[in-house]
Protein backbone atom coordinates (compact mmCIF):
# COMPACT_ATOMS: atom_id res chain seq x y z
CA MET A 1 110.07 123.16 112.04
CA ALA A 2 113.13 122.82 109.87
CA THR A 3 113.90 121.40 106.44
CA PHE A 4 116.14 118.34 106.25
CA ASN A 5 117.64 116.91 103.09
CA LEU A 6 118.07 113.19 103.54
CA THR A 7 119.24 110.31 101.40
CA VAL A 8 116.97 107.37 102.16
CA ASN A 9 117.41 104.11 100.28
CA GLY A 10 119.50 105.91 97.69
CA LYS A 11 116.88 108.60 97.00
CA LYS A 12 117.08 112.25 97.94
CA GLN A 13 114.22 113.20 100.24
CA GLN A 14 113.25 116.50 101.83
CA VAL A 15 111.18 116.71 105.00
CA ASP A 16 109.95 119.63 107.09
CA VAL A 17 109.85 118.45 110.69
CA ASP A 18 110.84 119.42 114.19
CA PRO A 19 114.61 118.77 114.55
CA ALA A 20 113.95 116.49 117.54
CA THR A 21 111.67 114.18 115.54
CA PRO A 22 112.99 110.61 115.73
CA MET A 23 113.95 109.10 112.37
CA LEU A 24 111.43 106.32 112.99
CA TRP A 25 108.58 108.81 112.65
CA VAL A 26 110.19 110.67 109.77
CA LEU A 27 110.40 107.36 107.90
CA ARG A 28 106.93 106.09 108.79
CA ASP A 29 104.85 109.28 108.92
CA HIS A 30 106.56 111.56 106.40
CA LEU A 31 108.14 109.17 103.88
CA ASN A 32 105.61 106.30 104.14
CA LEU A 33 108.37 103.72 104.73
CA VAL A 34 106.54 101.56 107.24
CA GLY A 35 108.81 98.49 107.24
CA THR A 36 110.72 99.97 110.18
CA LYS A 37 108.63 99.14 113.24
CA PHE A 38 107.91 100.86 116.53
CA GLY A 39 108.59 98.46 119.37
CA CYS A 40 109.49 100.15 122.63
CA GLY A 41 110.42 103.77 121.90
CA ILE A 42 113.53 103.59 124.13
CA ALA A 43 116.00 101.83 121.78
CA ALA A 44 115.85 98.64 123.82
CA CYS A 45 114.14 96.15 121.47
CA GLY A 46 115.67 96.73 118.03
CA ALA A 47 112.44 96.63 116.00
CA CYS A 48 113.25 100.09 114.63
CA THR A 49 116.79 99.28 113.45
CA ILE A 50 117.98 101.03 110.28
CA HIS A 51 121.41 101.63 108.78
CA LEU A 52 122.98 105.04 109.14
CA GLY A 53 125.89 104.72 106.76
CA ASP A 54 126.99 101.16 107.45
CA MET A 55 126.06 101.17 111.14
CA ALA A 56 122.91 99.63 112.59
CA MET A 57 121.06 102.31 114.56
CA ARG A 58 117.86 102.42 116.57
CA SER A 59 115.72 104.95 114.74
CA CYS A 60 113.28 105.55 117.61
CA GLN A 61 115.95 107.50 119.51
CA LEU A 62 117.82 109.05 116.56
CA PRO A 63 116.71 112.66 116.03
CA VAL A 64 116.56 113.69 112.38
CA SER A 65 118.85 116.60 113.28
CA GLN A 66 121.71 114.16 114.02
CA VAL A 67 121.62 112.37 110.66
CA GLY A 68 123.53 115.02 108.75
CA ASN A 69 124.67 113.79 105.33
CA MET A 70 124.82 110.11 106.31
CA PRO A 71 122.81 107.84 104.00
CA ILE A 72 119.93 105.96 105.58
CA THR A 73 118.89 102.46 104.58
CA THR A 74 115.66 100.89 105.73
CA ILE A 75 114.42 97.33 105.23
CA GLU A 76 112.73 98.55 102.03
CA GLY A 77 116.12 99.65 100.67
CA LEU A 78 118.25 96.70 101.77
CA SER A 79 117.68 95.05 98.38
CA GLU A 80 115.42 95.74 95.43
CA ASN A 81 113.96 92.26 95.18
CA GLY A 82 114.35 90.86 98.69
CA ASP A 83 117.45 89.02 97.54
CA HIS A 84 119.97 90.23 100.09
CA PRO A 85 121.76 87.15 101.50
CA VAL A 86 120.26 87.77 104.95
CA GLN A 87 116.74 88.06 103.56
CA LYS A 88 117.19 84.89 101.53
CA ALA A 89 118.54 82.98 104.54
CA TRP A 90 115.61 84.23 106.66
CA LEU A 91 113.19 82.72 104.16
CA GLU A 92 115.14 79.50 103.59
CA LEU A 93 115.29 78.80 107.33
CA ASP A 94 111.76 80.01 108.04
CA VAL A 95 112.97 82.38 110.75
CA PRO A 96 109.91 84.55 111.42
CA GLN A 97 106.92 83.53 113.46
CA CYS A 98 104.89 86.68 114.02
CA GLY A 99 107.44 88.68 112.01
CA TYR A 100 107.12 91.95 113.90
CA CYS A 101 110.78 92.20 114.92
CA GLN A 102 112.21 90.71 111.75
CA ALA A 103 112.96 93.94 109.83
CA GLY A 104 115.07 95.12 112.76
CA GLN A 105 116.71 91.70 113.11
CA ILE A 106 117.56 91.62 109.40
CA MET A 107 118.95 95.15 109.41
CA ASN A 108 121.13 94.41 112.44
CA ALA A 109 122.32 91.10 110.97
CA SER A 110 123.16 92.64 107.60
CA ALA A 111 125.21 95.39 109.29
CA LEU A 112 127.04 92.71 111.28
CA LEU A 113 127.91 90.74 108.15
CA LYS A 114 129.07 93.85 106.32
CA ALA A 115 131.49 94.60 109.17
CA ASN A 116 132.37 90.96 109.85
CA PRO A 117 131.61 88.53 107.01
CA ASP A 118 132.52 85.44 109.05
CA PRO A 119 131.34 85.97 112.63
CA SER A 120 131.68 83.37 115.36
CA ASP A 121 128.68 82.30 117.43
CA GLU A 122 129.85 84.61 120.21
CA GLU A 123 130.20 87.55 117.80
CA ILE A 124 126.70 86.93 116.44
CA GLU A 125 125.26 86.77 119.95
CA ALA A 126 127.06 89.97 120.97
CA ALA A 127 125.99 91.86 117.84
CA MET A 128 122.38 90.70 118.00
CA ASN A 129 122.06 91.27 121.75
CA GLY A 130 119.30 93.78 122.29
CA ASN A 131 117.26 92.78 119.23
CA ILE A 132 114.35 91.18 121.01
CA CYS A 133 112.22 88.47 119.41
CA ARG A 134 109.17 87.89 121.53
CA CYS A 135 108.55 84.60 119.69
CA GLY A 136 112.00 83.34 120.67
CA THR A 137 113.37 82.47 117.23
CA TYR A 138 116.95 83.19 118.33
CA THR A 139 118.28 79.76 117.28
CA ARG A 140 116.91 80.19 113.75
CA ILE A 141 118.18 83.78 113.62
CA LYS A 142 121.71 82.62 114.44
CA LYS A 143 121.51 79.81 111.86
CA ALA A 144 120.26 82.26 109.22
CA ILE A 145 123.12 84.66 109.91
CA LYS A 146 125.63 81.80 109.55
CA GLU A 147 123.94 80.75 106.30
CA ALA A 148 123.95 84.31 104.96
CA ALA A 149 127.65 84.64 105.85
CA LYS A 150 128.39 81.93 103.28
CA ALA A 151 126.93 84.14 100.55
CA VAL A 152 128.36 87.49 101.64
């Protein structure tokens, strides 16, 4: 066990965990931030996507010991009132079906738009590749990202 001082969603947090503990479980089990989902456990589906700094990262394979001083943002911290442009576009275009993957999709999409506020279709597809939606809402996801880009 070791003590880690983290900044999660703008708040200082301290956790005592094994250094190899994936951030997914630190967030869910120790900080009660359950919006980040467990999907596959091997960083292949994207359900566990968070921001580490400004980068989208798979939290299921990110040991807490590798976070350092980088700020962490989860779906709960993306916006106070669910009014981030990506979240608003998701609702306007009725993107989710089951919704399980959507937190990871939104976190990946918001990181994309922060890095590239006007992505082409090809850039969206490349950036979102690996975020799996078992319901197949990829067309609506792409439309929502394009809509959110207008407001970014």
